[in-house]
Amino acid sequence: MYQSRVGQAYDRGARSATGRCHCGEADAETGWTLEKIKGAYEKSYDYYGTPMKEGVKEIVWKGGSLADEDYDEFVFRALLTDSLPVGKTLYLPVVQECPDGAAERRIETPAEGQSSDDLEYPAPGINLLEKTGTH
């Protein structure tokens, strides 16, 4: 399982697209509405003997209030399957929206030969390492 923290959010919310990992749980943050957007996965995966073809693909926290000088953590846990390529980076796009319509979209992923440092608004990434244990 992978646990992520989405940093600051604004009044309209924070959202994270789980995409290629499979979300199991999201923290219901006090004062915010939690929405899990479900759909079909690109391909089926094995979840402890049960084939999973659909589930949560995007998580949205909205309706809360957070001043510019404050921050909060929006936490979700996800299963990373064995089909993800070791040695690569899995990117999880995040969008933060304000009530005035402004948004910060950390959705850019590097092209071949680029790094996240080359981008203005890179998506957070997870470096995929070789599995060393049973969990």
N, C-alpha and C. Protein backbone atom coordinates (compact mmCIF):
# COMPACT_ATOMS: atom_id res chain seq x y z
N MET A 1 0.84 -1.18 0.00
CA MET A 1 0.00 0.00 0.00
C MET A 1 0.88 1.24 0.00
N TYR A 2 0.43 2.25 -0.64
CA TYR A 2 1.09 3.54 -0.69
C TYR A 2 0.20 4.55 -0.01
N GLN A 3 0.76 5.41 0.79
CA GLN A 3 -0.01 6.47 1.44
C GLN A 3 0.54 7.80 0.98
N SER A 4 -0.33 8.69 0.54
CA SER A 4 0.09 9.99 0.02
C SER A 4 -0.56 11.10 0.81
N ARG A 5 0.13 12.22 0.89
CA ARG A 5 -0.44 13.42 1.50
C ARG A 5 -0.45 14.51 0.46
N VAL A 6 -1.63 15.04 0.17
CA VAL A 6 -1.77 16.17 -0.74
C VAL A 6 -1.70 17.41 0.13
N GLY A 7 -0.72 18.27 -0.12
CA GLY A 7 -0.47 19.42 0.75
C GLY A 7 -1.59 20.43 0.82
N GLN A 8 -1.29 21.69 0.63
CA GLN A 8 -2.28 22.75 0.79
C GLN A 8 -3.42 22.61 -0.20
N ALA A 9 -4.61 22.90 0.27
CA ALA A 9 -5.78 22.98 -0.61
C ALA A 9 -6.45 24.32 -0.34
N TYR A 10 -7.27 24.75 -1.26
CA TYR A 10 -7.97 26.00 -1.10
C TYR A 10 -9.44 25.71 -0.86
N ASP A 11 -10.27 26.75 -0.79
CA ASP A 11 -11.68 26.59 -0.42
C ASP A 11 -12.44 25.61 -1.30
N ARG A 12 -12.15 25.57 -2.60
CA ARG A 12 -12.92 24.70 -3.49
C ARG A 12 -12.41 23.28 -3.47
N GLY A 13 -11.17 23.06 -3.09
CA GLY A 13 -10.75 21.68 -2.91
C GLY A 13 -9.44 21.29 -3.52
N ALA A 14 -9.10 20.06 -3.22
CA ALA A 14 -7.91 19.43 -3.78
C ALA A 14 -8.37 18.14 -4.42
N ARG A 15 -7.74 17.79 -5.50
CA ARG A 15 -8.10 16.52 -6.12
C ARG A 15 -6.83 15.82 -6.55
N SER A 16 -6.87 14.52 -6.51
CA SER A 16 -5.74 13.72 -6.93
C SER A 16 -6.25 12.59 -7.80
N ALA A 17 -5.69 12.45 -8.97
CA ALA A 17 -6.06 11.34 -9.85
C ALA A 17 -5.14 10.17 -9.55
N THR A 18 -5.74 9.07 -9.15
CA THR A 18 -4.94 7.91 -8.77
C THR A 18 -4.48 7.13 -9.99
N GLY A 19 -5.22 7.20 -11.09
CA GLY A 19 -4.80 6.63 -12.36
C GLY A 19 -4.30 5.21 -12.33
N ARG A 20 -2.99 5.00 -12.26
CA ARG A 20 -2.40 3.68 -12.41
C ARG A 20 -2.17 2.97 -11.09
N CYS A 21 -2.60 3.54 -9.99
CA CYS A 21 -2.60 2.81 -8.73
C CYS A 21 -4.06 2.70 -8.30
N HIS A 22 -4.35 1.81 -7.40
CA HIS A 22 -5.74 1.51 -7.08
C HIS A 22 -6.05 1.95 -5.66
N CYS A 23 -6.90 2.96 -5.54
CA CYS A 23 -7.18 3.58 -4.26
C CYS A 23 -8.06 2.69 -3.41
N GLY A 24 -7.67 2.52 -2.18
CA GLY A 24 -8.48 1.77 -1.25
C GLY A 24 -9.20 2.67 -0.26
N GLU A 25 -8.53 3.68 0.24
CA GLU A 25 -9.10 4.51 1.29
C GLU A 25 -8.64 5.96 1.12
N ALA A 26 -9.50 6.88 1.52
CA ALA A 26 -9.13 8.31 1.56
C ALA A 26 -9.61 8.85 2.90
N ASP A 27 -8.84 9.74 3.48
CA ASP A 27 -9.15 10.34 4.77
C ASP A 27 -10.28 11.34 4.60
N ALA A 28 -11.37 11.15 5.34
CA ALA A 28 -12.49 12.10 5.32
C ALA A 28 -12.12 13.27 6.21
N GLU A 29 -11.54 14.29 5.61
CA GLU A 29 -11.02 15.46 6.32
C GLU A 29 -12.17 16.27 6.93
N THR A 30 -12.07 16.60 8.21
CA THR A 30 -13.10 17.36 8.91
C THR A 30 -13.38 18.68 8.20
N GLY A 31 -14.66 18.97 7.94
CA GLY A 31 -15.06 20.21 7.29
C GLY A 31 -15.05 20.16 5.77
N TRP A 32 -14.63 19.03 5.21
CA TRP A 32 -14.56 18.87 3.76
C TRP A 32 -15.47 17.73 3.34
N THR A 33 -15.96 17.80 2.11
CA THR A 33 -16.73 16.70 1.52
C THR A 33 -15.78 15.86 0.69
N LEU A 34 -15.82 14.56 0.89
CA LEU A 34 -14.96 13.63 0.17
C LEU A 34 -15.77 12.97 -0.94
N GLU A 35 -15.24 13.01 -2.14
CA GLU A 35 -15.89 12.36 -3.28
C GLU A 35 -14.89 11.41 -3.93
N LYS A 36 -15.31 10.17 -4.16
CA LYS A 36 -14.47 9.19 -4.85
C LYS A 36 -15.12 8.94 -6.21
N ILE A 37 -14.41 9.28 -7.26
CA ILE A 37 -14.91 9.09 -8.62
C ILE A 37 -14.43 7.73 -9.10
N LYS A 38 -15.39 6.89 -9.46
CA LYS A 38 -15.07 5.51 -9.84
C LYS A 38 -15.20 5.32 -11.35
N GLY A 39 -14.53 4.30 -11.85
CA GLY A 39 -14.59 3.98 -13.27
C GLY A 39 -13.83 2.70 -13.54
N ALA A 40 -13.79 2.34 -14.81
CA ALA A 40 -13.08 1.12 -15.23
C ALA A 40 -11.58 1.38 -15.24
N TYR A 41 -10.80 0.39 -14.80
CA TYR A 41 -9.34 0.47 -14.87
C TYR A 41 -8.88 0.10 -16.29
N GLU A 42 -7.67 0.54 -16.65
CA GLU A 42 -7.12 0.21 -17.97
C GLU A 42 -7.06 -1.30 -18.18
N LYS A 43 -6.69 -2.01 -17.12
CA LYS A 43 -6.68 -3.47 -17.18
C LYS A 43 -7.00 -4.01 -15.80
N SER A 44 -7.45 -5.24 -15.77
CA SER A 44 -7.80 -5.90 -14.52
C SER A 44 -6.53 -6.21 -13.73
N TYR A 45 -6.64 -6.22 -12.40
CA TYR A 45 -5.52 -6.64 -11.57
C TYR A 45 -6.05 -7.54 -10.47
N ASP A 46 -5.13 -8.31 -9.89
CA ASP A 46 -5.49 -9.27 -8.85
C ASP A 46 -5.43 -8.60 -7.48
N TYR A 47 -6.52 -8.63 -6.74
CA TYR A 47 -6.57 -8.09 -5.39
C TYR A 47 -6.82 -9.24 -4.43
N TYR A 48 -5.74 -9.87 -3.98
CA TYR A 48 -5.79 -11.00 -3.06
C TYR A 48 -6.74 -12.09 -3.56
N GLY A 49 -6.59 -12.45 -4.85
CA GLY A 49 -7.38 -13.52 -5.43
C GLY A 49 -8.65 -13.10 -6.11
N THR A 50 -9.01 -11.82 -6.01
CA THR A 50 -10.23 -11.30 -6.65
C THR A 50 -9.83 -10.38 -7.80
N PRO A 51 -10.29 -10.68 -9.03
CA PRO A 51 -9.97 -9.77 -10.14
C PRO A 51 -10.74 -8.45 -9.99
N MET A 52 -10.03 -7.33 -10.07
CA MET A 52 -10.63 -6.00 -9.95
C MET A 52 -10.55 -5.32 -11.31
N LYS A 53 -11.72 -4.93 -11.83
CA LYS A 53 -11.78 -4.29 -13.14
C LYS A 53 -12.16 -2.82 -13.05
N GLU A 54 -12.68 -2.39 -11.90
CA GLU A 54 -13.06 -1.00 -11.73
C GLU A 54 -12.95 -0.61 -10.27
N GLY A 55 -12.95 0.69 -10.02
CA GLY A 55 -12.85 1.20 -8.66
C GLY A 55 -12.56 2.69 -8.68
N VAL A 56 -12.03 3.21 -7.59
CA VAL A 56 -11.75 4.65 -7.46
C VAL A 56 -10.61 5.04 -8.40
N LYS A 57 -10.86 6.07 -9.22
CA LYS A 57 -9.84 6.58 -10.14
C LYS A 57 -9.42 8.00 -9.80
N GLU A 58 -10.26 8.70 -9.05
CA GLU A 58 -9.95 10.08 -8.68
C GLU A 58 -10.59 10.36 -7.32
N ILE A 59 -9.89 11.18 -6.52
CA ILE A 59 -10.38 11.56 -5.19
C ILE A 59 -10.50 13.08 -5.16
N VAL A 60 -11.63 13.57 -4.65
CA VAL A 60 -11.86 15.03 -4.57
C VAL A 60 -12.26 15.39 -3.15
N TRP A 61 -11.55 16.34 -2.55
CA TRP A 61 -11.95 16.95 -1.29
C TRP A 61 -12.46 18.34 -1.64
N LYS A 62 -13.67 18.71 -1.22
CA LYS A 62 -14.20 20.03 -1.57
C LYS A 62 -15.09 20.57 -0.46
N GLY A 63 -15.36 21.88 -0.55
CA GLY A 63 -16.31 22.51 0.36
C GLY A 63 -15.73 23.03 1.65
N GLY A 64 -14.50 22.73 1.96
CA GLY A 64 -13.89 23.21 3.19
C GLY A 64 -13.32 24.60 3.00
N SER A 65 -12.69 25.11 4.05
CA SER A 65 -12.08 26.43 3.99
C SER A 65 -10.68 26.35 4.58
N LEU A 66 -9.74 26.97 3.89
CA LEU A 66 -8.36 26.94 4.34
C LEU A 66 -7.70 28.25 3.92
N ALA A 67 -7.27 29.04 4.90
CA ALA A 67 -6.63 30.33 4.63
C ALA A 67 -5.29 30.13 3.91
N ASP A 68 -4.87 31.13 3.15
CA ASP A 68 -3.62 31.05 2.40
C ASP A 68 -2.42 30.74 3.30
N GLU A 69 -2.43 31.27 4.52
CA GLU A 69 -1.27 31.08 5.39
C GLU A 69 -1.28 29.73 6.12
N ASP A 70 -2.33 28.94 5.91
CA ASP A 70 -2.45 27.63 6.56
C ASP A 70 -2.26 26.51 5.54
N TYR A 71 -2.11 25.30 6.06
CA TYR A 71 -2.06 24.13 5.20
C TYR A 71 -2.78 23.00 5.90
N ASP A 72 -3.10 21.99 5.17
CA ASP A 72 -3.71 20.78 5.71
C ASP A 72 -3.20 19.61 4.89
N GLU A 73 -3.41 18.42 5.37
CA GLU A 73 -3.00 17.23 4.64
C GLU A 73 -4.23 16.44 4.25
N PHE A 74 -4.29 16.03 2.99
CA PHE A 74 -5.38 15.24 2.45
C PHE A 74 -4.77 13.90 2.08
N VAL A 75 -5.12 12.88 2.82
CA VAL A 75 -4.41 11.60 2.77
C VAL A 75 -5.24 10.54 2.06
N PHE A 76 -4.57 9.76 1.20
CA PHE A 76 -5.20 8.57 0.64
C PHE A 76 -4.19 7.43 0.63
N ARG A 77 -4.72 6.21 0.62
CA ARG A 77 -3.89 5.00 0.53
C ARG A 77 -4.26 4.28 -0.75
N ALA A 78 -3.26 3.72 -1.42
CA ALA A 78 -3.51 3.05 -2.68
C ALA A 78 -2.63 1.81 -2.80
N LEU A 79 -3.11 0.84 -3.54
CA LEU A 79 -2.36 -0.37 -3.83
C LEU A 79 -1.57 -0.17 -5.12
N LEU A 80 -0.28 -0.42 -5.07
CA LEU A 80 0.55 -0.38 -6.27
C LEU A 80 0.73 -1.82 -6.72
N THR A 81 0.31 -2.14 -7.93
CA THR A 81 0.33 -3.52 -8.40
C THR A 81 1.71 -3.92 -8.92
N ASP A 82 1.90 -5.23 -9.06
CA ASP A 82 3.16 -5.77 -9.57
C ASP A 82 3.39 -5.41 -11.04
N SER A 83 2.36 -4.94 -11.73
CA SER A 83 2.50 -4.62 -13.16
C SER A 83 3.22 -3.29 -13.40
N LEU A 84 3.42 -2.50 -12.35
CA LEU A 84 4.12 -1.22 -12.51
C LEU A 84 5.61 -1.47 -12.72
N PRO A 85 6.25 -0.75 -13.64
CA PRO A 85 7.65 -1.03 -13.99
C PRO A 85 8.65 -0.53 -12.93
N VAL A 86 9.42 -1.45 -12.39
CA VAL A 86 10.47 -1.12 -11.42
C VAL A 86 11.48 -0.18 -12.08
N GLY A 87 11.92 0.82 -11.33
CA GLY A 87 12.90 1.76 -11.83
C GLY A 87 12.30 2.98 -12.50
N LYS A 88 10.99 3.01 -12.67
CA LYS A 88 10.31 4.15 -13.28
C LYS A 88 9.66 4.99 -12.18
N THR A 89 9.03 6.08 -12.56
CA THR A 89 8.31 6.93 -11.62
C THR A 89 6.83 6.92 -11.99
N LEU A 90 5.98 6.74 -10.99
CA LEU A 90 4.53 6.81 -11.17
C LEU A 90 4.10 8.20 -10.74
N TYR A 91 3.48 8.95 -11.66
CA TYR A 91 3.06 10.32 -11.36
C TYR A 91 1.59 10.35 -10.99
N LEU A 92 1.25 11.16 -9.98
CA LEU A 92 -0.12 11.32 -9.49
C LEU A 92 -0.51 12.79 -9.62
N PRO A 93 -1.17 13.16 -10.70
CA PRO A 93 -1.55 14.57 -10.89
C PRO A 93 -2.44 15.09 -9.76
N VAL A 94 -2.20 16.34 -9.37
CA VAL A 94 -2.95 16.98 -8.29
C VAL A 94 -3.39 18.36 -8.77
N VAL A 95 -4.66 18.72 -8.52
CA VAL A 95 -5.18 20.05 -8.84
C VAL A 95 -5.71 20.68 -7.56
N GLN A 96 -5.33 21.92 -7.31
CA GLN A 96 -5.83 22.68 -6.17
C GLN A 96 -6.60 23.88 -6.72
N GLU A 97 -7.85 24.04 -6.27
CA GLU A 97 -8.72 25.08 -6.81
C GLU A 97 -9.12 26.08 -5.73
N CYS A 98 -9.25 27.36 -6.13
CA CYS A 98 -9.68 28.43 -5.24
C CYS A 98 -11.10 28.85 -5.60
N PRO A 99 -11.82 29.48 -4.64
CA PRO A 99 -13.18 29.92 -4.94
C PRO A 99 -13.26 30.98 -6.03
N ASP A 100 -12.18 31.76 -6.24
CA ASP A 100 -12.20 32.81 -7.27
C ASP A 100 -11.92 32.25 -8.66
N GLY A 101 -11.77 30.93 -8.76
CA GLY A 101 -11.54 30.29 -10.05
C GLY A 101 -10.08 29.99 -10.35
N ALA A 102 -9.17 30.54 -9.56
CA ALA A 102 -7.75 30.23 -9.76
C ALA A 102 -7.50 28.77 -9.39
N ALA A 103 -6.50 28.19 -10.03
CA ALA A 103 -6.16 26.80 -9.74
C ALA A 103 -4.67 26.59 -9.93
N GLU A 104 -4.12 25.70 -9.14
CA GLU A 104 -2.75 25.25 -9.34
C GLU A 104 -2.84 23.81 -9.78
N ARG A 105 -2.36 23.55 -10.98
CA ARG A 105 -2.47 22.22 -11.58
C ARG A 105 -1.08 21.58 -11.64
N ARG A 106 -0.79 20.74 -10.70
CA ARG A 106 0.47 20.00 -10.69
C ARG A 106 0.21 18.69 -11.44
N ILE A 107 0.17 18.84 -12.78
CA ILE A 107 -0.25 17.72 -13.62
C ILE A 107 0.78 17.37 -14.69
N GLU A 108 1.87 18.13 -14.77
CA GLU A 108 2.86 17.89 -15.82
C GLU A 108 3.72 16.67 -15.49
N THR A 109 3.95 15.83 -16.49
CA THR A 109 4.84 14.68 -16.31
C THR A 109 5.97 14.80 -17.33
N PRO A 110 7.18 14.46 -16.92
CA PRO A 110 8.32 14.64 -17.82
C PRO A 110 8.27 13.69 -19.02
N ALA A 111 8.65 14.22 -20.18
CA ALA A 111 8.81 13.40 -21.38
C ALA A 111 10.12 12.62 -21.25
N GLU A 112 10.31 11.66 -22.11
CA GLU A 112 11.56 10.88 -22.13
C GLU A 112 12.74 11.85 -22.22
N GLY A 113 13.71 11.70 -21.32
CA GLY A 113 14.88 12.56 -21.31
C GLY A 113 14.75 13.81 -20.45
N GLN A 114 13.55 14.10 -19.96
CA GLN A 114 13.32 15.24 -19.07
C GLN A 114 13.29 14.74 -17.63
N SER A 115 13.38 15.70 -16.69
CA SER A 115 13.16 15.39 -15.28
C SER A 115 12.06 16.31 -14.77
N SER A 116 11.54 16.02 -13.61
CA SER A 116 10.52 16.88 -12.99
C SER A 116 11.04 18.29 -12.80
N ASP A 117 12.34 18.44 -12.58
CA ASP A 117 12.94 19.76 -12.39
C ASP A 117 12.82 20.64 -13.64
N ASP A 118 12.62 20.03 -14.81
CA ASP A 118 12.49 20.78 -16.06
C ASP A 118 11.10 21.38 -16.24
N LEU A 119 10.15 21.01 -15.38
CA LEU A 119 8.75 21.41 -15.55
C LEU A 119 8.37 22.51 -14.57
N GLU A 120 7.42 23.35 -14.97
CA GLU A 120 6.96 24.42 -14.09
C GLU A 120 6.05 23.89 -12.99
N TYR A 121 5.12 23.00 -13.33
CA TYR A 121 4.17 22.44 -12.36
C TYR A 121 4.16 20.91 -12.45
N PRO A 122 5.24 20.27 -11.99
CA PRO A 122 5.29 18.81 -12.10
C PRO A 122 4.30 18.12 -11.15
N ALA A 123 3.78 16.99 -11.61
CA ALA A 123 2.93 16.15 -10.75
C ALA A 123 3.83 15.47 -9.72
N PRO A 124 3.33 15.24 -8.51
CA PRO A 124 4.10 14.46 -7.54
C PRO A 124 4.36 13.06 -8.10
N GLY A 125 5.49 12.50 -7.76
CA GLY A 125 5.83 11.18 -8.29
C GLY A 125 6.32 10.23 -7.22
N ILE A 126 6.17 8.94 -7.52
CA ILE A 126 6.64 7.87 -6.64
C ILE A 126 7.68 7.08 -7.43
N ASN A 127 8.89 6.98 -6.91
CA ASN A 127 9.91 6.14 -7.54
C ASN A 127 9.60 4.68 -7.22
N LEU A 128 9.45 3.88 -8.26
CA LEU A 128 9.06 2.48 -8.09
C LEU A 128 10.31 1.62 -7.90
N LEU A 129 10.44 1.06 -6.72
CA LEU A 129 11.61 0.24 -6.37
C LEU A 129 11.22 -1.24 -6.40
N GLU A 130 12.23 -2.09 -6.44
CA GLU A 130 11.99 -3.52 -6.43
C GLU A 130 11.41 -3.93 -5.07
N LYS A 131 10.42 -4.79 -5.10
CA LYS A 131 9.78 -5.27 -3.88
C LYS A 131 10.79 -6.11 -3.09
N THR A 132 10.89 -5.83 -1.76
CA THR A 132 11.86 -6.54 -0.94
C THR A 132 11.23 -7.35 0.18
N GLY A 133 9.91 -7.25 0.35
CA GLY A 133 9.23 -7.99 1.43
C GLY A 133 7.85 -8.40 1.00
N THR A 134 7.07 -8.84 1.97
CA THR A 134 5.71 -9.30 1.65
C THR A 134 4.69 -8.18 1.71
N HIS A 135 5.06 -7.00 2.19
CA HIS A 135 4.12 -5.88 2.27
C HIS A 135 4.68 -4.67 1.57
